[in-house]
């Protein structure tokens, strides 16, 4: 017989019994939805202010370096306004109920945040490829933990590291060799 608090357990009356961990989070209120839209508007306006500091002189294509920041700021501000309008006129349309856990998994989040912080701290010391590989390995460990999957041991870490290198190295070479945008390298020739 299954334990009364296990998922799928059936009570004496034949009704399903929900476990304490399977409590679904509540749908966000109109206030929270409005707050998300206002946040998007604020970020868009801050980006627009930042875009004013970028020179506007057009290059050979007629588009200056500030065109993309202005475009992103405009689209983000418009999306924020749309979100506010939807929130104030009945809530976000076709919004599915949240599927996440009722409580945050702070240890898994710490793995992912630690990965990003380690990348930022080490990128100029160990180079782009190795820093991004380390970031990938640590972040994947946190995401696996959040899903309740096993870490997989040393073999899985090596597979994650190989995957990280296979993602980071082509990006590095694309930026350094094809686009001539220098990312931090650990070799004098700039190949790693």
C-alpha atoms as a PDB file:
ATOM      1  CA  UNK A   1       0.000   0.000   0.000  1.00  0.00           C
ATOM      2  CA  UNK A   2       1.320   3.469  -0.774  1.00  0.00           C
ATOM      3  CA  UNK A   3       2.045   6.039   1.891  1.00  0.00           C
ATOM      4  CA  UNK A   4      -0.857   8.534   2.331  1.00  0.00           C
ATOM      5  CA  UNK A   5       1.338  11.515   1.499  1.00  0.00           C
ATOM      6  CA  UNK A   6       3.034   9.991  -1.533  1.00  0.00           C
ATOM      7  CA  UNK A   7       1.963  11.270  -4.945  1.00  0.00           C
ATOM      8  CA  UNK A   8      -0.850   9.174  -6.313  1.00  0.00           C
ATOM      9  CA  UNK A   9      -1.914   7.857  -2.919  1.00  0.00           C
ATOM     10  CA  UNK A  10      -5.588   7.158  -2.401  1.00  0.00           C
ATOM     11  CA  UNK A  11      -7.419   7.941   0.831  1.00  0.00           C
ATOM     12  CA  UNK A  12     -10.047   5.793   2.587  1.00  0.00           C
ATOM     13  CA  UNK A  13     -12.878   7.382   0.594  1.00  0.00           C
ATOM     14  CA  UNK A  14     -11.140   6.654  -2.714  1.00  0.00           C
ATOM     15  CA  UNK A  15     -10.196  10.307  -3.302  1.00  0.00           C
ATOM     16  CA  UNK A  16      -6.636  11.167  -4.294  1.00  0.00           C
ATOM     17  CA  UNK A  17      -4.557  12.567  -1.469  1.00  0.00           C
ATOM     18  CA  UNK A  18      -2.162  15.389  -2.380  1.00  0.00           C
ATOM     19  CA  UNK A  19       1.284  15.366  -0.833  1.00  0.00           C
ATOM     20  CA  UNK A  20       2.616  18.388   1.035  1.00  0.00           C
ATOM     21  CA  UNK A  21       5.283  18.926  -1.640  1.00  0.00           C
ATOM     22  CA  UNK A  22       2.846  18.823  -4.563  1.00  0.00           C
ATOM     23  CA  UNK A  23       1.008  21.996  -3.610  1.00  0.00           C
ATOM     24  CA  UNK A  24       0.830  24.039  -6.794  1.00  0.00           C
ATOM     25  CA  UNK A  25       1.900  27.667  -6.561  1.00  0.00           C
ATOM     26  CA  UNK A  26      -0.903  30.206  -6.892  1.00  0.00           C
ATOM     27  CA  UNK A  27      -1.475  32.130 -10.095  1.00  0.00           C
ATOM     28  CA  UNK A  28       0.039  35.608 -10.045  1.00  0.00           C
ATOM     29  CA  UNK A  29      -2.416  38.390  -9.239  1.00  0.00           C
ATOM     30  CA  UNK A  30      -3.153  41.343 -11.514  1.00  0.00           C
ATOM     31  CA  UNK A  31      -0.930  43.466  -9.260  1.00  0.00           C
ATOM     32  CA  UNK A  32       2.036  41.138  -9.789  1.00  0.00           C
ATOM     33  CA  UNK A  33       1.396  40.953 -13.520  1.00  0.00           C
ATOM     34  CA  UNK A  34       1.255  44.753 -13.701  1.00  0.00           C
ATOM     35  CA  UNK A  35       4.509  44.943 -11.754  1.00  0.00           C
ATOM     36  CA  UNK A  36       6.207  42.697 -14.351  1.00  0.00           C
ATOM     37  CA  UNK A  37       5.061  45.008 -17.155  1.00  0.00           C
ATOM     38  CA  UNK A  38       6.194  48.128 -15.302  1.00  0.00           C
ATOM     39  CA  UNK A  39       9.559  46.456 -14.691  1.00  0.00           C
ATOM     40  CA  UNK A  40       9.952  45.823 -18.429  1.00  0.00           C
ATOM     41  CA  UNK A  41       9.099  49.467 -19.174  1.00  0.00           C
ATOM     42  CA  UNK A  42      11.660  50.690 -16.622  1.00  0.00           C
ATOM     43  CA  UNK A  43      14.388  48.442 -18.066  1.00  0.00           C
ATOM     44  CA  UNK A  44      13.524  49.671 -21.577  1.00  0.00           C
ATOM     45  CA  UNK A  45      13.735  53.309 -20.470  1.00  0.00           C
ATOM     46  CA  UNK A  46      17.057  52.714 -18.703  1.00  0.00           C
ATOM     47  CA  UNK A  47      18.377  51.128 -21.909  1.00  0.00           C
ATOM     48  CA  UNK A  48      17.170  54.171 -23.864  1.00  0.00           C
ATOM     49  CA  UNK A  49      19.047  56.467 -21.481  1.00  0.00           C
ATOM     50  CA  UNK A  50      22.150  54.298 -21.966  1.00  0.00           C
ATOM     51  CA  UNK A  51      21.719  54.438 -25.749  1.00  0.00           C
ATOM     52  CA  UNK A  52      21.975  58.232 -25.653  1.00  0.00           C
ATOM     53  CA  UNK A  53      25.599  57.860 -24.508  1.00  0.00           C
ATOM     54  CA  UNK A  54      26.547  55.814 -27.596  1.00  0.00           C
ATOM     55  CA  UNK A  55      27.745  57.819 -30.621  1.00  0.00           C
ATOM     56  CA  UNK A  56      25.180  58.099 -33.409  1.00  0.00           C
ATOM     57  CA  UNK A  57      27.486  58.541 -36.400  1.00  0.00           C
ATOM     58  CA  UNK A  58      26.528  56.106 -39.122  1.00  0.00           C
ATOM     59  CA  UNK A  59      29.072  53.775 -40.646  1.00  0.00           C
ATOM     60  CA  UNK A  60      29.295  52.591 -44.231  1.00  0.00           C
ATOM     61  CA  UNK A  61      25.894  50.889 -43.960  1.00  0.00           C
ATOM     62  CA  UNK A  62      24.095  53.999 -42.737  1.00  0.00           C
ATOM     63  CA  UNK A  63      23.419  52.465 -39.332  1.00  0.00           C
ATOM     64  CA  UNK A  64      25.302  53.720 -36.300  1.00  0.00           C
ATOM     65  CA  UNK A  65      26.416  51.740 -33.262  1.00  0.00           C
ATOM     66  CA  UNK A  66      23.475  53.045 -31.241  1.00  0.00           C
ATOM     67  CA  UNK A  67      20.796  51.585 -33.557  1.00  0.00           C
ATOM     68  CA  UNK A  68      20.572  48.189 -31.857  1.00  0.00           C
ATOM     69  CA  UNK A  69      20.382  49.547 -28.278  1.00  0.00           C
ATOM     70  CA  UNK A  70      17.649  51.986 -29.360  1.00  0.00           C
ATOM     71  CA  UNK A  71      15.750  49.182 -31.087  1.00  0.00           C
ATOM     72  CA  UNK A  72      15.976  46.880 -28.069  1.00  0.00           C
ATOM     73  CA  UNK A  73      14.913  49.710 -25.745  1.00  0.00           C
ATOM     74  CA  UNK A  74      11.904  50.528 -27.932  1.00  0.00           C
ATOM     75  CA  UNK A  75      10.767  46.897 -28.261  1.00  0.00           C
ATOM     76  CA  UNK A  76      11.230  46.248 -24.532  1.00  0.00           C
ATOM     77  CA  UNK A  77       9.255  49.374 -23.626  1.00  0.00           C
ATOM     78  CA  UNK A  78       6.454  48.407 -26.041  1.00  0.00           C
ATOM     79  CA  UNK A  79       6.354  44.854 -24.648  1.00  0.00           C
ATOM     80  CA  UNK A  80       6.179  46.279 -21.123  1.00  0.00           C
ATOM     81  CA  UNK A  81       3.284  48.533 -22.110  1.00  0.00           C
ATOM     82  CA  UNK A  82       1.509  45.548 -23.670  1.00  0.00           C
ATOM     83  CA  UNK A  83       2.022  43.497 -20.487  1.00  0.00           C
ATOM     84  CA  UNK A  84       0.604  46.314 -18.349  1.00  0.00           C
ATOM     85  CA  UNK A  85      -2.414  46.628 -20.667  1.00  0.00           C
ATOM     86  CA  UNK A  86      -3.063  42.862 -20.512  1.00  0.00           C
ATOM     87  CA  UNK A  87      -2.685  42.781 -16.726  1.00  0.00           C
ATOM     88  CA  UNK A  88      -5.099  45.695 -16.260  1.00  0.00           C
ATOM     89  CA  UNK A  89      -7.724  44.306 -18.673  1.00  0.00           C
ATOM     90  CA  UNK A  90      -8.217  40.831 -17.234  1.00  0.00           C
ATOM     91  CA  UNK A  91      -4.776  39.326 -16.746  1.00  0.00           C
ATOM     92  CA  UNK A  92      -2.300  37.641 -19.041  1.00  0.00           C
ATOM     93  CA  UNK A  93      -4.142  35.699 -21.764  1.00  0.00           C
ATOM     94  CA  UNK A  94      -3.634  31.938 -22.143  1.00  0.00           C
ATOM     95  CA  UNK A  95      -1.363  31.812 -19.100  1.00  0.00           C
ATOM     96  CA  UNK A  96      -0.766  28.268 -17.919  1.00  0.00           C
ATOM     97  CA  UNK A  97      -0.662  27.622 -14.193  1.00  0.00           C
ATOM     98  CA  UNK A  98       2.871  27.606 -12.748  1.00  0.00           C
ATOM     99  CA  UNK A  99       4.476  24.178 -12.931  1.00  0.00           C
ATOM    100  CA  UNK A 100       7.360  24.721 -10.540  1.00  0.00           C
ATOM    101  CA  UNK A 101       7.811  23.575  -6.994  1.00  0.00           C
ATOM    102  CA  UNK A 102       5.990  25.271  -4.157  1.00  0.00           C
ATOM    103  CA  UNK A 103       9.312  26.275  -2.580  1.00  0.00           C
ATOM    104  CA  UNK A 104      12.551  27.509  -4.108  1.00  0.00           C
ATOM    105  CA  UNK A 105      15.527  25.164  -4.377  1.00  0.00           C
ATOM    106  CA  UNK A 106      18.195  27.541  -3.128  1.00  0.00           C
ATOM    107  CA  UNK A 107      21.088  25.066  -3.345  1.00  0.00           C
ATOM    108  CA  UNK A 108      20.406  24.431  -7.030  1.00  0.00           C
ATOM    109  CA  UNK A 109      20.150  28.178  -7.624  1.00  0.00           C
ATOM    110  CA  UNK A 110      23.469  28.630  -5.776  1.00  0.00           C
ATOM    111  CA  UNK A 111      25.161  26.223  -8.213  1.00  0.00           C
ATOM    112  CA  UNK A 112      23.909  28.229 -11.208  1.00  0.00           C
ATOM    113  CA  UNK A 113      24.737  31.628  -9.673  1.00  0.00           C
ATOM    114  CA  UNK A 114      28.142  30.314  -8.602  1.00  0.00           C
ATOM    115  CA  UNK A 115      28.766  29.198 -12.182  1.00  0.00           C
ATOM    116  CA  UNK A 116      28.096  32.682 -13.552  1.00  0.00           C
ATOM    117  CA  UNK A 117      30.158  34.382 -10.822  1.00  0.00           C
ATOM    118  CA  UNK A 118      33.062  31.959 -11.376  1.00  0.00           C
ATOM    119  CA  UNK A 119      32.922  32.683 -15.105  1.00  0.00           C
ATOM    120  CA  UNK A 120      33.073  36.433 -14.518  1.00  0.00           C
ATOM    121  CA  UNK A 121      35.875  36.099 -11.959  1.00  0.00           C
ATOM    122  CA  UNK A 122      38.051  33.689 -13.955  1.00  0.00           C
ATOM    123  CA  UNK A 123      37.546  34.664 -17.597  1.00  0.00           C
ATOM    124  CA  UNK A 124      40.598  36.951 -17.742  1.00  0.00           C
ATOM    125  CA  UNK A 125      42.733  34.466 -15.783  1.00  0.00           C
ATOM    126  CA  UNK A 126      41.995  31.118 -17.446  1.00  0.00           C
ATOM    127  CA  UNK A 127      40.554  32.378 -20.736  1.00  0.00           C
ATOM    128  CA  UNK A 128      37.134  32.377 -22.349  1.00  0.00           C
ATOM    129  CA  UNK A 129      36.935  28.711 -23.324  1.00  0.00           C
ATOM    130  CA  UNK A 130      37.928  27.274 -19.936  1.00  0.00           C
ATOM    131  CA  UNK A 131      35.850  29.805 -17.961  1.00  0.00           C
ATOM    132  CA  UNK A 132      32.754  29.093 -20.062  1.00  0.00           C
ATOM    133  CA  UNK A 133      33.357  25.346 -19.796  1.00  0.00           C
ATOM    134  CA  UNK A 134      33.529  25.620 -16.002  1.00  0.00           C
ATOM    135  CA  UNK A 135      30.379  27.764 -16.047  1.00  0.00           C
ATOM    136  CA  UNK A 136      28.584  25.121 -18.106  1.00  0.00           C
ATOM    137  CA  UNK A 137      29.661  22.229 -15.846  1.00  0.00           C
ATOM    138  CA  UNK A 138      28.584  24.018 -12.645  1.00  0.00           C
ATOM    139  CA  UNK A 139      25.301  25.305 -14.085  1.00  0.00           C
ATOM    140  CA  UNK A 140      24.336  21.878 -15.448  1.00  0.00           C
ATOM    141  CA  UNK A 141      25.046  20.362 -12.027  1.00  0.00           C
ATOM    142  CA  UNK A 142      22.650  22.866 -10.442  1.00  0.00           C
ATOM    143  CA  UNK A 143      19.972  22.278 -13.082  1.00  0.00           C
ATOM    144  CA  UNK A 144      20.246  18.497 -12.696  1.00  0.00           C
ATOM    145  CA  UNK A 145      19.914  18.888  -8.940  1.00  0.00           C
ATOM    146  CA  UNK A 146      16.813  21.065  -9.405  1.00  0.00           C
ATOM    147  CA  UNK A 147      15.220  18.321 -11.528  1.00  0.00           C
ATOM    148  CA  UNK A 148      16.043  15.711  -8.882  1.00  0.00           C
ATOM    149  CA  UNK A 149      18.440  13.826 -11.167  1.00  0.00           C
ATOM    150  CA  UNK A 150      21.682  12.233 -10.022  1.00  0.00           C
ATOM    151  CA  UNK A 151      24.916  14.127 -10.678  1.00  0.00           C
ATOM    152  CA  UNK A 152      26.350  11.124 -12.527  1.00  0.00           C
ATOM    153  CA  UNK A 153      29.843  11.088 -11.018  1.00  0.00           C
ATOM    154  CA  UNK A 154      33.164  11.701 -12.741  1.00  0.00           C
ATOM    155  CA  UNK A 155      32.119  10.335 -16.123  1.00  0.00           C
ATOM    156  CA  UNK A 156      29.182  12.759 -16.301  1.00  0.00           C
ATOM    157  CA  UNK A 157      31.391  15.690 -15.243  1.00  0.00           C
ATOM    158  CA  UNK A 158      33.837  14.840 -18.049  1.00  0.00           C
ATOM    159  CA  UNK A 159      30.970  14.609 -20.545  1.00  0.00           C
ATOM    160  CA  UNK A 160      29.645  17.975 -19.346  1.00  0.00           C
ATOM    161  CA  UNK A 161      33.147  19.474 -19.659  1.00  0.00           C
ATOM    162  CA  UNK A 162      33.486  18.121 -23.201  1.00  0.00           C
ATOM    163  CA  UNK A 163      30.076  19.551 -24.092  1.00  0.00           C
ATOM    164  CA  UNK A 164      31.094  22.900 -22.577  1.00  0.00           C
ATOM    165  CA  UNK A 165      34.281  22.978 -24.670  1.00  0.00           C
ATOM    166  CA  UNK A 166      32.339  22.037 -27.808  1.00  0.00           C
ATOM    167  CA  UNK A 167      30.041  25.005 -27.201  1.00  0.00           C
ATOM    168  CA  UNK A 168      32.612  27.572 -26.002  1.00  0.00           C
ATOM    169  CA  UNK A 169      35.455  26.907 -28.467  1.00  0.00           C
ATOM    170  CA  UNK A 170      33.504  27.619 -31.684  1.00  0.00           C
ATOM    171  CA  UNK A 171      32.059  30.777 -30.114  1.00  0.00           C
ATOM    172  CA  UNK A 172      35.577  31.878 -29.129  1.00  0.00           C
ATOM    173  CA  UNK A 173      36.978  31.185 -32.592  1.00  0.00           C
ATOM    174  CA  UNK A 174      34.040  32.886 -34.289  1.00  0.00           C
ATOM    175  CA  UNK A 175      34.536  36.059 -32.271  1.00  0.00           C
ATOM    176  CA  UNK A 176      38.365  36.100 -32.320  1.00  0.00           C
ATOM    177  CA  UNK A 177      39.160  34.836 -35.801  1.00  0.00           C
ATOM    178  CA  UNK A 178      36.164  35.778 -37.940  1.00  0.00           C
ATOM    179  CA  UNK A 179      34.794  38.899 -36.254  1.00  0.00           C
ATOM    180  CA  UNK A 180      38.158  40.143 -34.891  1.00  0.00           C
ATOM    181  CA  UNK A 181      36.626  40.787 -31.449  1.00  0.00           C
ATOM    182  CA  UNK A 182      39.229  39.679 -28.937  1.00  0.00           C
ATOM    183  CA  UNK A 183      37.932  37.480 -26.127  1.00  0.00           C
ATOM    184  CA  UNK A 184      40.327  36.579 -23.284  1.00  0.00           C
ATOM    185  CA  UNK A 185      42.658  33.730 -24.293  1.00  0.00           C
ATOM    186  CA  UNK A 186      45.261  31.711 -22.400  1.00  0.00           C
ATOM    187  CA  UNK A 187      47.644  31.211 -25.334  1.00  0.00           C
ATOM    188  CA  UNK A 188      49.673  33.850 -27.129  1.00  0.00           C
ATOM    189  CA  UNK A 189      48.278  32.765 -30.497  1.00  0.00           C
ATOM    190  CA  UNK A 190      44.728  33.226 -29.270  1.00  0.00           C
ATOM    191  CA  UNK A 191      43.442  29.775 -30.235  1.00  0.00           C
ATOM    192  CA  UNK A 192      42.306  28.810 -26.725  1.00  0.00           C
END
